[in-house]
PDB file of N, CA and C in Angstrom:
ATOM      1  N   MET A   1      19.840  -2.528   2.566  1.00  0.00           N
ATOM      2  CA  MET A   1      19.264  -2.945   1.313  1.00  0.00           C
ATOM      3  C   MET A   1      19.758  -2.024   0.208  1.00  0.00           C
ATOM      4  N   ILE A   2      20.009  -2.562  -0.927  1.00  0.00           N
ATOM      5  CA  ILE A   2      20.449  -1.778  -2.072  1.00  0.00           C
ATOM      6  C   ILE A   2      19.287  -0.897  -2.531  1.00  0.00           C
ATOM      7  N   LYS A   3      19.590   0.368  -2.798  1.00  0.00           N
ATOM      8  CA  LYS A   3      18.547   1.329  -3.147  1.00  0.00           C
ATOM      9  C   LYS A   3      17.717   0.873  -4.341  1.00  0.00           C
ATOM     10  N   GLY A   4      18.327   0.386  -5.374  1.00  0.00           N
ATOM     11  CA  GLY A   4      17.608  -0.060  -6.566  1.00  0.00           C
ATOM     12  C   GLY A   4      16.623  -1.170  -6.263  1.00  0.00           C
ATOM     13  N   ALA A   5      17.023  -2.119  -5.438  1.00  0.00           N
ATOM     14  CA  ALA A   5      16.148  -3.234  -5.077  1.00  0.00           C
ATOM     15  C   ALA A   5      14.960  -2.727  -4.265  1.00  0.00           C
ATOM     16  N   LYS A   6      15.195  -1.785  -3.383  1.00  0.00           N
ATOM     17  CA  LYS A   6      14.126  -1.216  -2.565  1.00  0.00           C
ATOM     18  C   LYS A   6      13.093  -0.526  -3.445  1.00  0.00           C
ATOM     19  N   GLU A   7      13.549   0.265  -4.383  1.00  0.00           N
ATOM     20  CA  GLU A   7      12.640   0.975  -5.289  1.00  0.00           C
ATOM     21  C   GLU A   7      11.842   0.002  -6.141  1.00  0.00           C
ATOM     22  N   GLU A   8      12.475  -1.081  -6.561  1.00  0.00           N
ATOM     23  CA  GLU A   8      11.794  -2.093  -7.370  1.00  0.00           C
ATOM     24  C   GLU A   8      10.670  -2.758  -6.571  1.00  0.00           C
ATOM     25  N   ILE A   9      10.921  -3.063  -5.328  1.00  0.00           N
ATOM     26  CA  ILE A   9       9.906  -3.677  -4.471  1.00  0.00           C
ATOM     27  C   ILE A   9       8.760  -2.707  -4.230  1.00  0.00           C
ATOM     28  N   ILE A  10       9.054  -1.448  -4.005  1.00  0.00           N
ATOM     29  CA  ILE A  10       8.005  -0.446  -3.791  1.00  0.00           C
ATOM     30  C   ILE A  10       7.118  -0.342  -5.028  1.00  0.00           C
ATOM     31  N   GLU A  11       7.697  -0.365  -6.212  1.00  0.00           N
ATOM     32  CA  GLU A  11       6.906  -0.313  -7.443  1.00  0.00           C
ATOM     33  C   GLU A  11       6.020  -1.551  -7.575  1.00  0.00           C
ATOM     34  N   LYS A  12       6.540  -2.710  -7.200  1.00  0.00           N
ATOM     35  CA  LYS A  12       5.731  -3.939  -7.247  1.00  0.00           C
ATOM     36  C   LYS A  12       4.554  -3.837  -6.281  1.00  0.00           C
ATOM     37  N   ILE A  13       4.808  -3.299  -5.100  1.00  0.00           N
ATOM     38  CA  ILE A  13       3.740  -3.126  -4.110  1.00  0.00           C
ATOM     39  C   ILE A  13       2.655  -2.226  -4.681  1.00  0.00           C
ATOM     40  N   LYS A  14       3.038  -1.110  -5.277  1.00  0.00           N
ATOM     41  CA  LYS A  14       2.062  -0.167  -5.842  1.00  0.00           C
ATOM     42  C   LYS A  14       1.216  -0.828  -6.927  1.00  0.00           C
ATOM     43  N   LYS A  15       1.851  -1.610  -7.794  1.00  0.00           N
ATOM     44  CA  LYS A  15       1.114  -2.273  -8.870  1.00  0.00           C
ATOM     45  C   LYS A  15       0.131  -3.294  -8.313  1.00  0.00           C
ATOM     46  N   LEU A  16       0.541  -4.057  -7.329  1.00  0.00           N
ATOM     47  CA  LEU A  16      -0.334  -5.085  -6.769  1.00  0.00           C
ATOM     48  C   LEU A  16      -1.448  -4.491  -5.917  1.00  0.00           C
ATOM     49  N   GLU A  17      -1.201  -3.339  -5.299  1.00  0.00           N
ATOM     50  CA  GLU A  17      -2.237  -2.691  -4.502  1.00  0.00           C
ATOM     51  C   GLU A  17      -3.459  -2.400  -5.354  1.00  0.00           C
ATOM     52  N   ALA A  18      -3.235  -2.065  -6.605  1.00  0.00           N
ATOM     53  CA  ALA A  18      -4.334  -1.714  -7.504  1.00  0.00           C
ATOM     54  C   ALA A  18      -5.254  -2.904  -7.754  1.00  0.00           C
ATOM     55  N   ARG A  19      -4.789  -4.105  -7.492  1.00  0.00           N
ATOM     56  CA  ARG A  19      -5.600  -5.307  -7.710  1.00  0.00           C
ATOM     57  C   ARG A  19      -6.199  -5.860  -6.426  1.00  0.00           C
ATOM     58  N   ASP A  20      -5.860  -5.287  -5.309  1.00  0.00           N
ATOM     59  CA  ASP A  20      -6.297  -5.792  -4.011  1.00  0.00           C
ATOM     60  C   ASP A  20      -7.609  -5.106  -3.606  1.00  0.00           C
ATOM     61  N   ASP A  21      -8.689  -5.870  -3.481  1.00  0.00           N
ATOM     62  CA  ASP A  21     -10.011  -5.313  -3.188  1.00  0.00           C
ATOM     63  C   ASP A  21     -10.045  -4.474  -1.919  1.00  0.00           C
ATOM     64  N   GLU A  22      -9.385  -4.926  -0.864  1.00  0.00           N
ATOM     65  CA  GLU A  22      -9.383  -4.194   0.402  1.00  0.00           C
ATOM     66  C   GLU A  22      -8.750  -2.815   0.223  1.00  0.00           C
ATOM     67  N   VAL A  23      -7.664  -2.776  -0.513  1.00  0.00           N
ATOM     68  CA  VAL A  23      -6.968  -1.509  -0.749  1.00  0.00           C
ATOM     69  C   VAL A  23      -7.811  -0.606  -1.636  1.00  0.00           C
ATOM     70  N   ILE A  24      -8.353  -1.158  -2.699  1.00  0.00           N
ATOM     71  CA  ILE A  24      -9.160  -0.355  -3.616  1.00  0.00           C
ATOM     72  C   ILE A  24     -10.311   0.310  -2.871  1.00  0.00           C
ATOM     73  N   LYS A  25     -10.996  -0.436  -2.032  1.00  0.00           N
ATOM     74  CA  LYS A  25     -12.114   0.109  -1.262  1.00  0.00           C
ATOM     75  C   LYS A  25     -11.648   1.248  -0.354  1.00  0.00           C
ATOM     76  N   SER A  26     -10.559   1.045   0.356  1.00  0.00           N
ATOM     77  CA  SER A  26     -10.061   2.062   1.285  1.00  0.00           C
ATOM     78  C   SER A  26      -9.576   3.312   0.559  1.00  0.00           C
ATOM     79  N   VAL A  27      -8.887   3.137  -0.557  1.00  0.00           N
ATOM     80  CA  VAL A  27      -8.392   4.288  -1.315  1.00  0.00           C
ATOM     81  C   VAL A  27      -9.570   5.077  -1.889  1.00  0.00           C
ATOM     82  N   LYS A  28     -10.581   4.385  -2.394  1.00  0.00           N
ATOM     83  CA  LYS A  28     -11.758   5.076  -2.926  1.00  0.00           C
ATOM     84  C   LYS A  28     -12.449   5.888  -1.833  1.00  0.00           C
ATOM     85  N   GLU A  29     -12.587   5.301  -0.639  1.00  0.00           N
ATOM     86  CA  GLU A  29     -13.201   6.016   0.478  1.00  0.00           C
ATOM     87  C   GLU A  29     -12.379   7.245   0.845  1.00  0.00           C
ATOM     88  N   THR A  30     -11.071   7.095   0.850  1.00  0.00           N
ATOM     89  CA  THR A  30     -10.183   8.199   1.198  1.00  0.00           C
ATOM     90  C   THR A  30     -10.323   9.337   0.189  1.00  0.00           C
ATOM     91  N   LYS A  31     -10.297   9.011  -1.087  1.00  0.00           N
ATOM     92  CA  LYS A  31     -10.430  10.036  -2.127  1.00  0.00           C
ATOM     93  C   LYS A  31     -11.808  10.688  -2.080  1.00  0.00           C
ATOM     94  N   LYS A  32     -12.816   9.891  -1.800  1.00  0.00           N
ATOM     95  CA  LYS A  32     -14.191  10.390  -1.764  1.00  0.00           C
ATOM     96  C   LYS A  32     -14.370  11.488  -0.713  1.00  0.00           C
ATOM     97  N   VAL A  33     -13.764  11.306   0.454  1.00  0.00           N
ATOM     98  CA  VAL A  33     -13.903  12.298   1.519  1.00  0.00           C
ATOM     99  C   VAL A  33     -12.800  13.351   1.483  1.00  0.00           C
ATOM    100  N   GLY A  34     -11.812  13.168   0.597  1.00  0.00           N
ATOM    101  CA  GLY A  34     -10.782  14.179   0.406  1.00  0.00           C
ATOM    102  C   GLY A  34      -9.765  14.284   1.521  1.00  0.00           C
ATOM    103  N   VAL A  35      -9.499  13.188   2.214  1.00  0.00           N
ATOM    104  CA  VAL A  35      -8.485  13.198   3.265  1.00  0.00           C
ATOM    105  C   VAL A  35      -7.453  12.114   2.985  1.00  0.00           C
ATOM    106  N   LYS A  36      -6.355  12.185   3.712  1.00  0.00           N
ATOM    107  CA  LYS A  36      -5.313  11.178   3.538  1.00  0.00           C
ATOM    108  C   LYS A  36      -5.331  10.134   4.646  1.00  0.00           C
ATOM    109  N   VAL A  37      -6.252  10.268   5.587  1.00  0.00           N
ATOM    110  CA  VAL A  37      -6.352   9.320   6.698  1.00  0.00           C
ATOM    111  C   VAL A  37      -7.792   8.844   6.770  1.00  0.00           C
ATOM    112  N   LEU A  38      -7.990   7.559   6.977  1.00  0.00           N
ATOM    113  CA  LEU A  38      -9.323   6.994   6.997  1.00  0.00           C
ATOM    114  C   LEU A  38      -9.451   5.964   8.110  1.00  0.00           C
ATOM    115  N   ARG A  39     -10.632   5.878   8.685  1.00  0.00           N
ATOM    116  CA  ARG A  39     -10.944   4.896   9.728  1.00  0.00           C
ATOM    117  C   ARG A  39     -10.003   4.986  10.925  1.00  0.00           C
ATOM    118  N   ASN A  40     -10.056   6.099  11.603  1.00  0.00           N
ATOM    119  CA  ASN A  40      -9.247   6.283  12.823  1.00  0.00           C
ATOM    120  C   ASN A  40      -7.775   5.961  12.602  1.00  0.00           C
ATOM    121  N   GLU A  41      -7.240   6.424  11.499  1.00  0.00           N
ATOM    122  CA  GLU A  41      -5.831   6.249  11.130  1.00  0.00           C
ATOM    123  C   GLU A  41      -5.455   4.811  10.794  1.00  0.00           C
ATOM    124  N   GLU A  42      -6.444   3.932  10.628  1.00  0.00           N
ATOM    125  CA  GLU A  42      -6.112   2.564  10.228  1.00  0.00           C
ATOM    126  C   GLU A  42      -5.509   2.557   8.823  1.00  0.00           C
ATOM    127  N   TRP A  43      -6.102   3.328   7.904  1.00  0.00           N
ATOM    128  CA  TRP A  43      -5.621   3.417   6.528  1.00  0.00           C
ATOM    129  C   TRP A  43      -5.129   4.827   6.251  1.00  0.00           C
ATOM    130  N   GLN A  44      -3.991   4.936   5.574  1.00  0.00           N
ATOM    131  CA  GLN A  44      -3.433   6.230   5.186  1.00  0.00           C
ATOM    132  C   GLN A  44      -2.801   6.099   3.805  1.00  0.00           C
ATOM    133  N   ILE A  45      -2.648   7.236   3.151  1.00  0.00           N
ATOM    134  CA  ILE A  45      -1.901   7.274   1.900  1.00  0.00           C
ATOM    135  C   ILE A  45      -0.743   8.231   2.125  1.00  0.00           C
ATOM    136  N   GLU A  46       0.462   7.728   1.907  1.00  0.00           N
ATOM    137  CA  GLU A  46       1.661   8.533   2.115  1.00  0.00           C
ATOM    138  C   GLU A  46       2.673   8.198   1.037  1.00  0.00           C
ATOM    139  N   ASN A  47       3.162   9.218   0.354  1.00  0.00           N
ATOM    140  CA  ASN A  47       4.126   9.027  -0.740  1.00  0.00           C
ATOM    141  C   ASN A  47       3.617   8.009  -1.766  1.00  0.00           C
ATOM    142  N   ASN A  48       2.328   8.098  -2.076  1.00  0.00           N
ATOM    143  CA  ASN A  48       1.678   7.206  -3.041  1.00  0.00           C
ATOM    144  C   ASN A  48       1.702   5.738  -2.639  1.00  0.00           C
ATOM    145  N   LEU A  49       1.905   5.464  -1.359  1.00  0.00           N
ATOM    146  CA  LEU A  49       1.816   4.104  -0.833  1.00  0.00           C
ATOM    147  C   LEU A  49       0.658   4.047   0.147  1.00  0.00           C
ATOM    148  N   VAL A  50      -0.012   2.911   0.172  1.00  0.00           N
ATOM    149  CA  VAL A  50      -1.096   2.724   1.129  1.00  0.00           C
ATOM    150  C   VAL A  50      -0.486   2.157   2.410  1.00  0.00           C
ATOM    151  N   LEU A  51      -0.819   2.797   3.527  1.00  0.00           N
ATOM    152  CA  LEU A  51      -0.356   2.336   4.833  1.00  0.00           C
ATOM    153  C   LEU A  51      -1.554   1.798   5.604  1.00  0.00           C
ATOM    154  N   LYS A  52      -1.350   0.707   6.300  1.00  0.00           N
ATOM    155  CA  LYS A  52      -2.368   0.175   7.199  1.00  0.00           C
ATOM    156  C   LYS A  52      -1.730   0.113   8.576  1.00  0.00           C
ATOM    157  N   LYS A  53      -2.330   0.800   9.497  1.00  0.00           N
ATOM    158  CA  LYS A  53      -1.810   0.898  10.858  1.00  0.00           C
ATOM    159  C   LYS A  53      -0.357   1.376  10.855  1.00  0.00           C
ATOM    160  N   ARG A  54      -0.096   2.410  10.023  1.00  0.00           N
ATOM    161  CA  ARG A  54       1.207   3.095   9.912  1.00  0.00           C
ATOM    162  C   ARG A  54       2.330   2.241   9.321  1.00  0.00           C
ATOM    163  N   LYS A  55       1.989   1.136   8.684  1.00  0.00           N
ATOM    164  CA  LYS A  55       2.991   0.282   8.037  1.00  0.00           C
ATOM    165  C   LYS A  55       2.599   0.116   6.582  1.00  0.00           C
ATOM    166  N   VAL A  56       3.590  -0.011   5.713  1.00  0.00           N
ATOM    167  CA  VAL A  56       3.304  -0.189   4.294  1.00  0.00           C
ATOM    168  C   VAL A  56       2.479  -1.456   4.131  1.00  0.00           C
ATOM    169  N   TYR A  57       1.342  -1.293   3.464  1.00  0.00           N
ATOM    170  CA  TYR A  57       0.477  -2.433   3.217  1.00  0.00           C
ATOM    171  C   TYR A  57       1.033  -3.221   2.041  1.00  0.00           C
ATOM    172  N   VAL A  58       1.325  -4.496   2.268  1.00  0.00           N
ATOM    173  CA  VAL A  58       1.821  -5.373   1.215  1.00  0.00           C
ATOM    174  C   VAL A  58       0.645  -6.255   0.783  1.00  0.00           C
ATOM    175  N   PRO A  59       0.250  -6.144  -0.471  1.00  0.00           N
ATOM    176  CA  PRO A  59      -0.884  -6.932  -0.959  1.00  0.00           C
ATOM    177  C   PRO A  59      -0.671  -8.422  -0.776  1.00  0.00           C
ATOM    178  N   ARG A  60      -1.766  -9.146  -0.803  1.00  0.00           N
ATOM    179  CA  ARG A  60      -1.729 -10.600  -0.612  1.00  0.00           C
ATOM    180  C   ARG A  60      -1.171 -11.276  -1.855  1.00  0.00           C
ATOM    181  N   ASP A  61       0.117 -11.231  -1.983  1.00  0.00           N
ATOM    182  CA  ASP A  61       0.815 -11.855  -3.098  1.00  0.00           C
ATOM    183  C   ASP A  61       2.004 -12.612  -2.508  1.00  0.00           C
ATOM    184  N   GLU A  62       1.901 -13.926  -2.492  1.00  0.00           N
ATOM    185  CA  GLU A  62       2.910 -14.738  -1.821  1.00  0.00           C
ATOM    186  C   GLU A  62       4.316 -14.516  -2.385  1.00  0.00           C
ATOM    187  N   LYS A  63       4.427 -14.414  -3.707  1.00  0.00           N
ATOM    188  CA  LYS A  63       5.736 -14.219  -4.326  1.00  0.00           C
ATOM    189  C   LYS A  63       6.391 -12.917  -3.854  1.00  0.00           C
ATOM    190  N   LEU A  64       5.599 -11.837  -3.823  1.00  0.00           N
ATOM    191  CA  LEU A  64       6.138 -10.539  -3.371  1.00  0.00           C
ATOM    192  C   LEU A  64       6.517 -10.594  -1.894  1.00  0.00           C
ATOM    193  N   ARG A  65       5.665 -11.186  -1.077  1.00  0.00           N
ATOM    194  CA  ARG A  65       5.964 -11.260   0.355  1.00  0.00           C
ATOM    195  C   ARG A  65       7.230 -12.051   0.637  1.00  0.00           C
ATOM    196  N   VAL A  66       7.443 -13.138  -0.113  1.00  0.00           N
ATOM    197  CA  VAL A  66       8.679 -13.924   0.041  1.00  0.00           C
ATOM    198  C   VAL A  66       9.877 -13.092  -0.392  1.00  0.00           C
ATOM    199  N   GLU A  67       9.743 -12.357  -1.481  1.00  0.00           N
ATOM    200  CA  GLU A  67      10.832 -11.494  -1.965  1.00  0.00           C
ATOM    201  C   GLU A  67      11.212 -10.446  -0.916  1.00  0.00           C
ATOM    202  N   ILE A  68      10.215  -9.881  -0.262  1.00  0.00           N
ATOM    203  CA  ILE A  68      10.488  -8.862   0.760  1.00  0.00           C
ATOM    204  C   ILE A  68      11.228  -9.468   1.947  1.00  0.00           C
ATOM    205  N   ILE A  69      10.813 -10.633   2.336  1.00  0.00           N
ATOM    206  CA  ILE A  69      11.463 -11.295   3.483  1.00  0.00           C
ATOM    207  C   ILE A  69      12.885 -11.636   3.108  1.00  0.00           C
TER     208      ILE A  69
END
């Protein structure tokens, strides 16, 4: 993958995560307890990306998911 395209997709993921209720709840819980891992490692924050089960969480946005594929 071209580096520029990869960075663009990562930025889109970050912007959409802020609108996703599931992510917002998990990030708030993580910040509240002051750790980077939450719920038996189900949710993590790494390099300012939210991970779910050790994979980058892609918000429920059909257009973005199609672009990634």
